[in-house]
C-alpha cells in the first residue's frame, strides 16, 4: 500500500514563506533546482474512472450536494456557460498525458453512508484504508469524507487529507489496485489550517477571511482539498508519477502550488479572484447547478509553473 500525505499546512506554510512572493507563473525550479517537478515513469490513471464517495459521520443534504455537484462538474456532459469553469480547471491535467488516448474521464459513482461511525469517532490511517475499500474497486477512486466531529490520525497537526492506493478484493480471480482519498471537515477542528482562505490562518499574515462560495467554511474547504488530492491521484496514483521532492512526502500537481488560487498570490493572499456581487463570496470556477468553487492552481508539467484559471 502506498500512502501520501497532502496539504500539510505547516509544511506548505514554511515552503510558502521561504519565497517572498508568488505569482501565477512561479517557477518551481528557480530556488530549488534539486527538487525539480518531474515525471518518475510510473502509470497515470486513464479511461473511465468512477469517483465513489464514502460519507463517514453526519453530513447535511446541502453539504453532500456541494461536494457531489463538484464531482459532477469535473466532466459534466453539459458545457458550463459561465467561464472559467471546474471543467476548464480539470482539463489542465491533460497536459500530464503523453498521448491523447485513452482519455481520462471522471464521473460520480456510488455513494456509501456510514452515519453510525462504524469505527468510532477517532480513526487511524489503517481504518481510513478499510473504509475506502467499501466502495467499488475497479476503475475507481474511493473518497472517504469524514464529518466535523471525527478525529483522524494526523488531521490538523500535519495534514488535511491523504491519497494512496491499496489492493482490493478478488474480481474474477484477479486483484486490482484501487486509488483512495481521505479528506476531513475541518470546520470545528482546524479551519485556520485546512479551510484557508475561508478562515483566518493560525500562522502567518492575518488578512481577512474570504466569504465561502457555498456559505459553508468546512465543506468549501473540503472541496479545495478534494480537488487537490484528485489532481494528485490521477497524476501520481502509485507513487511513481509526477511529483517534486521526496517520494515519502511528495509535492504534486496541486500541493506544489499550495496557497495559489489566482494571479498575484503570495503568502497570506490567495490572489485576484472573482467575487459574487450578491453574496460577496470569492471563487474562481463555475460548476453545475449554478455552483461556484475555489480551486487550487495546478503545476504545468511543461513549464514547472503554477498555473491559475483566473
C-alpha atoms as a PDB file:
ATOM      1  CA  UNK A   1       0.000   0.000   0.000  1.00  0.00           C
ATOM      2  CA  UNK A   2       1.225   3.433  -0.870  1.00  0.00           C
ATOM      3  CA  UNK A   3       0.013   6.370   1.140  1.00  0.00           C
ATOM      4  CA  UNK A   4       0.786  10.033   0.597  1.00  0.00           C
ATOM      5  CA  UNK A   5       0.290  12.995   2.869  1.00  0.00           C
ATOM      6  CA  UNK A   6      -1.034  16.050   1.074  1.00  0.00           C
ATOM      7  CA  UNK A   7      -1.824  19.626   2.005  1.00  0.00           C
ATOM      8  CA  UNK A   8       0.154  19.595   5.202  1.00  0.00           C
ATOM      9  CA  UNK A   9      -0.498  23.142   6.377  1.00  0.00           C
ATOM     10  CA  UNK A  10       2.710  23.540   8.338  1.00  0.00           C
ATOM     11  CA  UNK A  11       4.933  22.200   5.564  1.00  0.00           C
ATOM     12  CA  UNK A  12       3.135  24.257   2.958  1.00  0.00           C
ATOM     13  CA  UNK A  13       3.301  27.391   5.065  1.00  0.00           C
ATOM     14  CA  UNK A  14       7.029  27.204   5.655  1.00  0.00           C
ATOM     15  CA  UNK A  15       7.576  26.464   1.975  1.00  0.00           C
ATOM     16  CA  UNK A  16       5.443  29.472   1.164  1.00  0.00           C
ATOM     17  CA  UNK A  17       7.141  31.949   3.457  1.00  0.00           C
ATOM     18  CA  UNK A  18      10.542  30.896   2.148  1.00  0.00           C
ATOM     19  CA  UNK A  19       9.587  32.646  -1.077  1.00  0.00           C
ATOM     20  CA  UNK A  20       8.843  36.355  -0.791  1.00  0.00           C
ATOM     21  CA  UNK A  21       6.121  36.484  -3.394  1.00  0.00           C
ATOM     22  CA  UNK A  22       4.128  34.027  -5.502  1.00  0.00           C
ATOM     23  CA  UNK A  23       2.718  34.658  -8.949  1.00  0.00           C
ATOM     24  CA  UNK A  24       0.516  32.625 -11.268  1.00  0.00           C
ATOM     25  CA  UNK A  25       3.650  31.558 -13.152  1.00  0.00           C
ATOM     26  CA  UNK A  26       6.036  30.851 -10.265  1.00  0.00           C
ATOM     27  CA  UNK A  27       8.843  28.560 -11.409  1.00  0.00           C
ATOM     28  CA  UNK A  28       9.227  25.655  -9.023  1.00  0.00           C
ATOM     29  CA  UNK A  29      12.815  25.116 -10.071  1.00  0.00           C
ATOM     30  CA  UNK A  30      14.234  28.624  -9.671  1.00  0.00           C
ATOM     31  CA  UNK A  31      15.138  28.420  -5.982  1.00  0.00           C
ATOM     32  CA  UNK A  32      15.119  24.643  -5.561  1.00  0.00           C
ATOM     33  CA  UNK A  33      16.665  23.004  -8.634  1.00  0.00           C
ATOM     34  CA  UNK A  34      17.287  19.821  -6.663  1.00  0.00           C
ATOM     35  CA  UNK A  35      13.519  19.466  -6.175  1.00  0.00           C
ATOM     36  CA  UNK A  36      12.501  19.755  -9.808  1.00  0.00           C
ATOM     37  CA  UNK A  37       8.911  18.816 -10.599  1.00  0.00           C
ATOM     38  CA  UNK A  38       9.288  15.750 -12.802  1.00  0.00           C
ATOM     39  CA  UNK A  39       7.834  12.525 -14.116  1.00  0.00           C
ATOM     40  CA  UNK A  40       9.080   9.324 -12.477  1.00  0.00           C
ATOM     41  CA  UNK A  41       7.901   6.989 -15.269  1.00  0.00           C
ATOM     42  CA  UNK A  42       5.041   5.319 -13.435  1.00  0.00           C
ATOM     43  CA  UNK A  43       1.466   4.844 -14.701  1.00  0.00           C
ATOM     44  CA  UNK A  44      -1.197   7.539 -14.509  1.00  0.00           C
ATOM     45  CA  UNK A  45      -4.915   6.868 -14.204  1.00  0.00           C
ATOM     46  CA  UNK A  46      -6.627   6.563 -17.580  1.00  0.00           C
ATOM     47  CA  UNK A  47     -10.002   5.680 -19.037  1.00  0.00           C
ATOM     48  CA  UNK A  48     -13.378   5.958 -17.354  1.00  0.00           C
ATOM     49  CA  UNK A  49     -12.968   6.313 -13.591  1.00  0.00           C
ATOM     50  CA  UNK A  50     -15.809   6.399 -11.072  1.00  0.00           C
ATOM     51  CA  UNK A  51     -15.382   8.688  -8.076  1.00  0.00           C
ATOM     52  CA  UNK A  52     -17.170   6.907  -5.236  1.00  0.00           C
ATOM     53  CA  UNK A  53     -17.961   8.806  -2.051  1.00  0.00           C
ATOM     54  CA  UNK A  54     -17.939   7.204   1.407  1.00  0.00           C
ATOM     55  CA  UNK A  55     -19.668   9.585   3.834  1.00  0.00           C
ATOM     56  CA  UNK A  56     -18.432   8.843   7.353  1.00  0.00           C
ATOM     57  CA  UNK A  57     -20.422  10.579  10.080  1.00  0.00           C
ATOM     58  CA  UNK A  58     -23.169  13.170   9.858  1.00  0.00           C
ATOM     59  CA  UNK A  59     -23.478  15.389   6.789  1.00  0.00           C
ATOM     60  CA  UNK A  60     -26.423  17.594   5.886  1.00  0.00           C
ATOM     61  CA  UNK A  61     -28.069  17.034   2.494  1.00  0.00           C
ATOM     62  CA  UNK A  62     -26.960  20.542   1.500  1.00  0.00           C
ATOM     63  CA  UNK A  63     -23.345  19.666   2.315  1.00  0.00           C
ATOM     64  CA  UNK A  64     -23.484  16.479   0.263  1.00  0.00           C
ATOM     65  CA  UNK A  65     -24.924  18.423  -2.660  1.00  0.00           C
ATOM     66  CA  UNK A  66     -21.977  20.859  -2.663  1.00  0.00           C
ATOM     67  CA  UNK A  67     -19.469  18.025  -2.972  1.00  0.00           C
ATOM     68  CA  UNK A  68     -21.435  15.854  -5.414  1.00  0.00           C
ATOM     69  CA  UNK A  69     -22.031  18.853  -7.674  1.00  0.00           C
ATOM     70  CA  UNK A  70     -18.273  19.479  -7.658  1.00  0.00           C
ATOM     71  CA  UNK A  71     -17.503  15.913  -8.758  1.00  0.00           C
ATOM     72  CA  UNK A  72     -20.184  16.132 -11.453  1.00  0.00           C
ATOM     73  CA  UNK A  73     -18.728  19.448 -12.630  1.00  0.00           C
ATOM     74  CA  UNK A  74     -15.347  17.859 -13.428  1.00  0.00           C
ATOM     75  CA  UNK A  75     -16.593  16.037 -16.513  1.00  0.00           C
ATOM     76  CA  UNK A  76     -20.135  17.254 -16.957  1.00  0.00           C
ATOM     77  CA  UNK A  77     -21.569  16.315 -20.387  1.00  0.00           C
ATOM     78  CA  UNK A  78     -23.310  19.679 -20.420  1.00  0.00           C
ATOM     79  CA  UNK A  79     -20.900  22.558 -21.024  1.00  0.00           C
ATOM     80  CA  UNK A  80     -20.927  25.159 -18.276  1.00  0.00           C
ATOM     81  CA  UNK A  81     -21.696  28.512 -19.878  1.00  0.00           C
ATOM     82  CA  UNK A  82     -20.061  30.822 -17.322  1.00  0.00           C
ATOM     83  CA  UNK A  83     -16.289  30.697 -17.546  1.00  0.00           C
ATOM     84  CA  UNK A  84     -13.922  29.893 -16.009  1.00  0.00           C
ATOM     85  CA  UNK A  85     -15.389  26.525 -15.061  1.00  0.00           C
ATOM     86  CA  UNK A  86     -14.487  23.481 -12.986  1.00  0.00           C
ATOM     87  CA  UNK A  87     -14.269  21.550 -16.246  1.00  0.00           C
ATOM     88  CA  UNK A  88     -11.724  24.027 -17.628  1.00  0.00           C
ATOM     89  CA  UNK A  89      -9.683  23.722 -14.428  1.00  0.00           C
ATOM     90  CA  UNK A  90      -9.676  19.917 -14.632  1.00  0.00           C
ATOM     91  CA  UNK A  91      -8.775  19.931 -18.322  1.00  0.00           C
ATOM     92  CA  UNK A  92      -5.319  21.190 -17.319  1.00  0.00           C
ATOM     93  CA  UNK A  93      -4.499  17.645 -16.109  1.00  0.00           C
ATOM     94  CA  UNK A  94      -4.499  16.520 -19.765  1.00  0.00           C
ATOM     95  CA  UNK A  95      -1.062  18.143 -20.088  1.00  0.00           C
ATOM     96  CA  UNK A  96       0.327  15.288 -17.968  1.00  0.00           C
ATOM     97  CA  UNK A  97      -0.529  12.659 -20.567  1.00  0.00           C
ATOM     98  CA  UNK A  98       1.875  11.868 -23.386  1.00  0.00           C
ATOM     99  CA  UNK A  99      -0.871  10.774 -25.784  1.00  0.00           C
ATOM    100  CA  UNK A 100      -4.481  11.941 -26.070  1.00  0.00           C
ATOM    101  CA  UNK A 101      -5.916   8.453 -25.578  1.00  0.00           C
ATOM    102  CA  UNK A 102      -7.138   6.641 -23.636  1.00  0.00           C
ATOM    103  CA  UNK A 103      -8.577   9.827 -22.181  1.00  0.00           C
ATOM    104  CA  UNK A 104      -9.295  10.159 -18.504  1.00  0.00           C
ATOM    105  CA  UNK A 105     -12.962  10.750 -17.687  1.00  0.00           C
ATOM    106  CA  UNK A 106     -14.155  11.059 -14.104  1.00  0.00           C
ATOM    107  CA  UNK A 107     -17.796  10.592 -13.129  1.00  0.00           C
ATOM    108  CA  UNK A 108     -19.745  10.484  -9.891  1.00  0.00           C
ATOM    109  CA  UNK A 109     -20.160   6.856  -8.884  1.00  0.00           C
ATOM    110  CA  UNK A 110     -21.599   5.159  -5.802  1.00  0.00           C
ATOM    111  CA  UNK A 111     -22.302   6.885  -2.512  1.00  0.00           C
ATOM    112  CA  UNK A 112     -21.994   4.910   0.724  1.00  0.00           C
ATOM    113  CA  UNK A 113     -23.305   6.217   4.036  1.00  0.00           C
ATOM    114  CA  UNK A 114     -21.735   5.341   7.387  1.00  0.00           C
ATOM    115  CA  UNK A 115     -23.682   7.610   9.703  1.00  0.00           C
ATOM    116  CA  UNK A 116     -23.290   5.300  12.704  1.00  0.00           C
ATOM    117  CA  UNK A 117     -19.492   5.731  12.943  1.00  0.00           C
ATOM    118  CA  UNK A 118     -18.667   2.033  12.426  1.00  0.00           C
ATOM    119  CA  UNK A 119     -15.052   2.615  13.539  1.00  0.00           C
ATOM    120  CA  UNK A 120     -15.864   5.241  16.172  1.00  0.00           C
ATOM    121  CA  UNK A 121     -15.021   8.923  16.096  1.00  0.00           C
ATOM    122  CA  UNK A 122     -11.241   8.602  16.198  1.00  0.00           C
ATOM    123  CA  UNK A 123      -9.749   6.931  13.125  1.00  0.00           C
ATOM    124  CA  UNK A 124      -6.313   5.593  12.251  1.00  0.00           C
ATOM    125  CA  UNK A 125      -4.811   5.605   8.770  1.00  0.00           C
ATOM    126  CA  UNK A 126      -5.444   1.840   8.506  1.00  0.00           C
ATOM    127  CA  UNK A 127      -9.112   2.386   9.273  1.00  0.00           C
ATOM    128  CA  UNK A 128      -9.315   5.027   6.551  1.00  0.00           C
ATOM    129  CA  UNK A 129      -7.996   2.433   4.080  1.00  0.00           C
ATOM    130  CA  UNK A 130     -10.569  -0.116   5.321  1.00  0.00           C
ATOM    131  CA  UNK A 131     -13.339   2.431   4.852  1.00  0.00           C
ATOM    132  CA  UNK A 132     -12.128   3.206   1.334  1.00  0.00           C
ATOM    133  CA  UNK A 133     -12.310  -0.481   0.435  1.00  0.00           C
ATOM    134  CA  UNK A 134     -16.089  -0.424   0.986  1.00  0.00           C
ATOM    135  CA  UNK A 135     -16.506   1.305  -2.370  1.00  0.00           C
ATOM    136  CA  UNK A 136     -16.269  -0.339  -5.799  1.00  0.00           C
ATOM    137  CA  UNK A 137     -12.623  -1.063  -6.506  1.00  0.00           C
ATOM    138  CA  UNK A 138     -12.202  -1.452 -10.242  1.00  0.00           C
ATOM    139  CA  UNK A 139     -11.615   1.695 -12.303  1.00  0.00           C
ATOM    140  CA  UNK A 140     -12.369   3.758  -9.243  1.00  0.00           C
ATOM    141  CA  UNK A 141     -11.202   6.437  -6.868  1.00  0.00           C
ATOM    142  CA  UNK A 142     -12.825   5.900  -3.481  1.00  0.00           C
ATOM    143  CA  UNK A 143     -13.091   9.099  -1.470  1.00  0.00           C
ATOM    144  CA  UNK A 144     -13.611   8.893   2.299  1.00  0.00           C
ATOM    145  CA  UNK A 145     -15.150  12.075   3.709  1.00  0.00           C
ATOM    146  CA  UNK A 146     -15.188  12.415   7.494  1.00  0.00           C
ATOM    147  CA  UNK A 147     -17.568  14.761   9.291  1.00  0.00           C
ATOM    148  CA  UNK A 148     -16.521  17.622  11.560  1.00  0.00           C
ATOM    149  CA  UNK A 149     -16.859  15.544  14.752  1.00  0.00           C
ATOM    150  CA  UNK A 150     -14.449  12.828  13.598  1.00  0.00           C
ATOM    151  CA  UNK A 151     -10.759  12.911  14.549  1.00  0.00           C
ATOM    152  CA  UNK A 152      -8.291  11.256  12.171  1.00  0.00           C
ATOM    153  CA  UNK A 153      -4.657  10.355  12.785  1.00  0.00           C
ATOM    154  CA  UNK A 154      -2.544  13.357  11.789  1.00  0.00           C
ATOM    155  CA  UNK A 155      -5.553  15.536  10.951  1.00  0.00           C
ATOM    156  CA  UNK A 156      -4.832  19.223  11.596  1.00  0.00           C
ATOM    157  CA  UNK A 157      -1.416  18.533  13.127  1.00  0.00           C
ATOM    158  CA  UNK A 158       0.217  17.590   9.839  1.00  0.00           C
ATOM    159  CA  UNK A 159      -2.378  17.043   7.140  1.00  0.00           C
ATOM    160  CA  UNK A 160      -5.822  17.933   5.815  1.00  0.00           C
ATOM    161  CA  UNK A 161      -6.176  14.835   3.658  1.00  0.00           C
ATOM    162  CA  UNK A 162      -4.294  11.976   2.030  1.00  0.00           C
ATOM    163  CA  UNK A 163      -4.340   9.849  -1.066  1.00  0.00           C
ATOM    164  CA  UNK A 164      -2.856   6.464  -1.785  1.00  0.00           C
ATOM    165  CA  UNK A 165      -3.604   3.076  -3.252  1.00  0.00           C
ATOM    166  CA  UNK A 166      -4.496  -0.365  -1.941  1.00  0.00           C
ATOM    167  CA  UNK A 167      -5.085  -3.854  -3.300  1.00  0.00           C
ATOM    168  CA  UNK A 168      -8.767  -4.725  -3.357  1.00  0.00           C
ATOM    169  CA  UNK A 169     -10.738  -7.925  -3.174  1.00  0.00           C
ATOM    170  CA  UNK A 170     -10.539 -10.565  -5.925  1.00  0.00           C
ATOM    171  CA  UNK A 171     -12.620  -9.825  -9.011  1.00  0.00           C
ATOM    172  CA  UNK A 172     -12.853 -12.758 -11.436  1.00  0.00           C
ATOM    173  CA  UNK A 173      -9.828 -14.300  -9.754  1.00  0.00           C
ATOM    174  CA  UNK A 174      -7.702 -11.192 -10.024  1.00  0.00           C
ATOM    175  CA  UNK A 175      -6.826  -8.458  -7.534  1.00  0.00           C
ATOM    176  CA  UNK A 176      -6.820  -4.861  -8.711  1.00  0.00           C
ATOM    177  CA  UNK A 177      -5.191  -1.809  -7.226  1.00  0.00           C
ATOM    178  CA  UNK A 178      -7.582   0.995  -6.454  1.00  0.00           C
ATOM    179  CA  UNK A 179      -6.891   4.577  -5.544  1.00  0.00           C
ATOM    180  CA  UNK A 180      -8.333   6.221  -2.461  1.00  0.00           C
ATOM    181  CA  UNK A 181      -8.565   9.670  -0.935  1.00  0.00           C
ATOM    182  CA  UNK A 182      -9.440  10.874   2.535  1.00  0.00           C
ATOM    183  CA  UNK A 183     -10.460  14.430   3.420  1.00  0.00           C
ATOM    184  CA  UNK A 184     -11.839  15.680   6.739  1.00  0.00           C
ATOM    185  CA  UNK A 185     -14.243  18.510   7.536  1.00  0.00           C
ATOM    186  CA  UNK A 186     -12.079  20.941   9.490  1.00  0.00           C
ATOM    187  CA  UNK A 187     -14.805  23.443  10.433  1.00  0.00           C
ATOM    188  CA  UNK A 188     -14.642  22.836  14.190  1.00  0.00           C
ATOM    189  CA  UNK A 189     -11.146  21.360  14.496  1.00  0.00           C
ATOM    190  CA  UNK A 190      -8.767  23.479  12.401  1.00  0.00           C
ATOM    191  CA  UNK A 191     -10.389  25.751   9.811  1.00  0.00           C
ATOM    192  CA  UNK A 192      -7.387  28.072  10.007  1.00  0.00           C
ATOM    193  CA  UNK A 193      -5.229  25.236   8.710  1.00  0.00           C
ATOM    194  CA  UNK A 194      -7.430  23.241   6.352  1.00  0.00           C
ATOM    195  CA  UNK A 195     -10.146  25.702   5.254  1.00  0.00           C
ATOM    196  CA  UNK A 196      -7.997  28.754   4.470  1.00  0.00           C
ATOM    197  CA  UNK A 197      -8.689  31.238   2.873  1.00  0.00           C
ATOM    198  CA  UNK A 198     -12.237  30.955   4.241  1.00  0.00           C
ATOM    199  CA  UNK A 199     -10.903  31.296   7.792  1.00  0.00           C
ATOM    200  CA  UNK A 200      -8.015  33.297   9.173  1.00  0.00           C
ATOM    201  CA  UNK A 201      -4.838  31.203   9.370  1.00  0.00           C
ATOM    202  CA  UNK A 202      -3.320  30.203  12.680  1.00  0.00           C
ATOM    203  CA  UNK A 203       0.106  31.261  11.443  1.00  0.00           C
ATOM    204  CA  UNK A 204       1.376  33.910   9.062  1.00  0.00           C
ATOM    205  CA  UNK A 205      -0.219  37.095   7.672  1.00  0.00           C
ATOM    206  CA  UNK A 206      -3.642  37.749   9.152  1.00  0.00           C
ATOM    207  CA  UNK A 207      -5.609  39.036   6.187  1.00  0.00           C
ATOM    208  CA  UNK A 208      -9.423  38.964   6.466  1.00  0.00           C
ATOM    209  CA  UNK A 209     -11.005  35.609   5.648  1.00  0.00           C
ATOM    210  CA  UNK A 210     -12.837  35.313   2.326  1.00  0.00           C
ATOM    211  CA  UNK A 211     -16.533  34.530   2.089  1.00  0.00           C
ATOM    212  CA  UNK A 212     -17.007  30.857   1.157  1.00  0.00           C
ATOM    213  CA  UNK A 213     -18.773  30.429  -2.217  1.00  0.00           C
ATOM    214  CA  UNK A 214     -21.305  27.905  -0.874  1.00  0.00           C
ATOM    215  CA  UNK A 215     -21.613  29.550   2.540  1.00  0.00           C
ATOM    216  CA  UNK A 216     -20.068  26.568   4.326  1.00  0.00           C
ATOM    217  CA  UNK A 217     -16.490  27.080   5.521  1.00  0.00           C
ATOM    218  CA  UNK A 218     -15.920  23.404   6.303  1.00  0.00           C
ATOM    219  CA  UNK A 219     -17.347  21.981   3.080  1.00  0.00           C
ATOM    220  CA  UNK A 220     -15.895  24.667   0.809  1.00  0.00           C
ATOM    221  CA  UNK A 221     -12.547  23.899   2.450  1.00  0.00           C
ATOM    222  CA  UNK A 222     -13.108  20.194   1.768  1.00  0.00           C
ATOM    223  CA  UNK A 223     -13.710  20.969  -1.914  1.00  0.00           C
ATOM    224  CA  UNK A 224     -10.277  22.617  -2.140  1.00  0.00           C
ATOM    225  CA  UNK A 225      -8.636  19.584  -0.544  1.00  0.00           C
ATOM    226  CA  UNK A 226     -10.611  17.034  -2.588  1.00  0.00           C
ATOM    227  CA  UNK A 227      -9.710  18.931  -5.764  1.00  0.00           C
ATOM    228  CA  UNK A 228      -6.019  18.995  -4.845  1.00  0.00           C
ATOM    229  CA  UNK A 229      -5.967  15.304  -3.992  1.00  0.00           C
ATOM    230  CA  UNK A 230      -7.881  14.273  -7.116  1.00  0.00           C
ATOM    231  CA  UNK A 231      -5.258  16.046  -9.215  1.00  0.00           C
ATOM    232  CA  UNK A 232      -2.523  14.315  -7.218  1.00  0.00           C
ATOM    233  CA  UNK A 233      -4.231  10.947  -7.503  1.00  0.00           C
ATOM    234  CA  UNK A 234      -4.612  10.850 -11.286  1.00  0.00           C
ATOM    235  CA  UNK A 235      -1.093  12.194 -11.946  1.00  0.00           C
ATOM    236  CA  UNK A 236       0.693  10.233  -9.201  1.00  0.00           C
ATOM    237  CA  UNK A 237      -1.574   7.314  -8.266  1.00  0.00           C
ATOM    238  CA  UNK A 238       1.075   4.801  -7.196  1.00  0.00           C
ATOM    239  CA  UNK A 239       3.988   6.940  -6.036  1.00  0.00           C
ATOM    240  CA  UNK A 240       5.951   6.969  -9.283  1.00  0.00           C
ATOM    241  CA  UNK A 241       4.131   9.534 -11.405  1.00  0.00           C
ATOM    242  CA  UNK A 242       4.558  13.315 -11.366  1.00  0.00           C
ATOM    243  CA  UNK A 243       5.837  14.988  -8.215  1.00  0.00           C
ATOM    244  CA  UNK A 244       8.553  17.150  -6.691  1.00  0.00           C
ATOM    245  CA  UNK A 245      10.716  16.297  -3.705  1.00  0.00           C
ATOM    246  CA  UNK A 246      10.941  13.017  -1.764  1.00  0.00           C
ATOM    247  CA  UNK A 247       8.600  10.144  -2.619  1.00  0.00           C
ATOM    248  CA  UNK A 248       7.582   9.858   1.046  1.00  0.00           C
ATOM    249  CA  UNK A 249       6.326  13.468   1.125  1.00  0.00           C
ATOM    250  CA  UNK A 250       5.777  14.488  -2.492  1.00  0.00           C
ATOM    251  CA  UNK A 251       4.572  17.846  -3.719  1.00  0.00           C
ATOM    252  CA  UNK A 252       2.167  17.028  -6.516  1.00  0.00           C
ATOM    253  CA  UNK A 253       0.143  18.744  -9.247  1.00  0.00           C
ATOM    254  CA  UNK A 254      -1.796  20.956  -6.806  1.00  0.00           C
ATOM    255  CA  UNK A 255       0.034  20.636  -3.486  1.00  0.00           C
ATOM    256  CA  UNK A 256       3.174  22.080  -5.120  1.00  0.00           C
ATOM    257  CA  UNK A 257       1.114  25.252  -5.621  1.00  0.00           C
ATOM    258  CA  UNK A 258      -0.412  25.488  -2.136  1.00  0.00           C
ATOM    259  CA  UNK A 259      -1.943  28.868  -1.367  1.00  0.00           C
ATOM    260  CA  UNK A 260      -2.199  29.971  -5.006  1.00  0.00           C
ATOM    261  CA  UNK A 261      -5.726  30.447  -6.362  1.00  0.00           C
ATOM    262  CA  UNK A 262      -5.451  33.497  -8.608  1.00  0.00           C
ATOM    263  CA  UNK A 263      -2.882  35.734 -10.255  1.00  0.00           C
ATOM    264  CA  UNK A 264      -0.762  37.794  -7.896  1.00  0.00           C
ATOM    265  CA  UNK A 265      -0.997  35.319  -4.992  1.00  0.00           C
ATOM    266  CA  UNK A 266       1.592  35.436  -2.217  1.00  0.00           C
ATOM    267  CA  UNK A 267       1.750  34.113   1.380  1.00  0.00           C
ATOM    268  CA  UNK A 268      -1.467  35.127   3.123  1.00  0.00           C
ATOM    269  CA  UNK A 269      -3.125  36.345  -0.090  1.00  0.00           C
ATOM    270  CA  UNK A 270      -4.989  33.885  -2.314  1.00  0.00           C
ATOM    271  CA  UNK A 271      -4.688  36.037  -5.432  1.00  0.00           C
ATOM    272  CA  UNK A 272      -7.030  38.092  -7.598  1.00  0.00           C
ATOM    273  CA  UNK A 273     -10.322  36.199  -7.551  1.00  0.00           C
ATOM    274  CA  UNK A 274     -13.842  36.606  -8.858  1.00  0.00           C
ATOM    275  CA  UNK A 275     -16.390  37.932  -6.371  1.00  0.00           C
ATOM    276  CA  UNK A 276     -20.109  37.199  -6.426  1.00  0.00           C
ATOM    277  CA  UNK A 277     -21.851  40.611  -6.400  1.00  0.00           C
ATOM    278  CA  UNK A 278     -24.796  39.263  -4.404  1.00  0.00           C
ATOM    279  CA  UNK A 279     -23.084  37.222  -1.678  1.00  0.00           C
ATOM    280  CA  UNK A 280     -19.607  38.738  -1.671  1.00  0.00           C
ATOM    281  CA  UNK A 281     -18.162  35.216  -1.946  1.00  0.00           C
ATOM    282  CA  UNK A 282     -14.785  34.665  -3.608  1.00  0.00           C
ATOM    283  CA  UNK A 283     -14.390  31.962  -6.247  1.00  0.00           C
ATOM    284  CA  UNK A 284     -12.519  31.083  -9.426  1.00  0.00           C
ATOM    285  CA  UNK A 285     -14.603  28.346 -11.067  1.00  0.00           C
ATOM    286  CA  UNK A 286     -18.234  27.821 -12.046  1.00  0.00           C
ATOM    287  CA  UNK A 287     -19.864  24.415 -11.683  1.00  0.00           C
ATOM    288  CA  UNK A 288     -23.150  22.681 -12.418  1.00  0.00           C
ATOM    289  CA  UNK A 289     -26.414  23.824 -10.859  1.00  0.00           C
ATOM    290  CA  UNK A 290     -25.129  27.373 -10.540  1.00  0.00           C
ATOM    291  CA  UNK A 291     -22.396  26.377  -8.090  1.00  0.00           C
ATOM    292  CA  UNK A 292     -19.235  28.368  -7.547  1.00  0.00           C
ATOM    293  CA  UNK A 293     -15.987  26.941  -6.196  1.00  0.00           C
ATOM    294  CA  UNK A 294     -12.463  27.967  -5.243  1.00  0.00           C
ATOM    295  CA  UNK A 295      -9.887  25.603  -6.749  1.00  0.00           C
ATOM    296  CA  UNK A 296      -6.086  25.463  -6.392  1.00  0.00           C
ATOM    297  CA  UNK A 297      -3.574  26.303  -9.072  1.00  0.00           C
ATOM    298  CA  UNK A 298      -2.027  23.323 -10.873  1.00  0.00           C
ATOM    299  CA  UNK A 299       1.554  22.827 -11.983  1.00  0.00           C
ATOM    300  CA  UNK A 300       2.000  22.977 -15.738  1.00  0.00           C
ATOM    301  CA  UNK A 301       4.313  19.967 -16.279  1.00  0.00           C
ATOM    302  CA  UNK A 302       5.808  21.524 -19.383  1.00  0.00           C
ATOM    303  CA  UNK A 303       6.964  24.692 -17.667  1.00  0.00           C
ATOM    304  CA  UNK A 304       7.090  23.672 -13.964  1.00  0.00           C
ATOM    305  CA  UNK A 305       4.985  26.765 -13.263  1.00  0.00           C
ATOM    306  CA  UNK A 306       1.850  27.134 -11.145  1.00  0.00           C
ATOM    307  CA  UNK A 307      -0.979  27.970 -13.498  1.00  0.00           C
ATOM    308  CA  UNK A 308      -4.291  29.540 -12.429  1.00  0.00           C
ATOM    309  CA  UNK A 309      -7.565  29.868 -14.308  1.00  0.00           C
ATOM    310  CA  UNK A 310      -8.174  33.479 -13.211  1.00  0.00           C
END
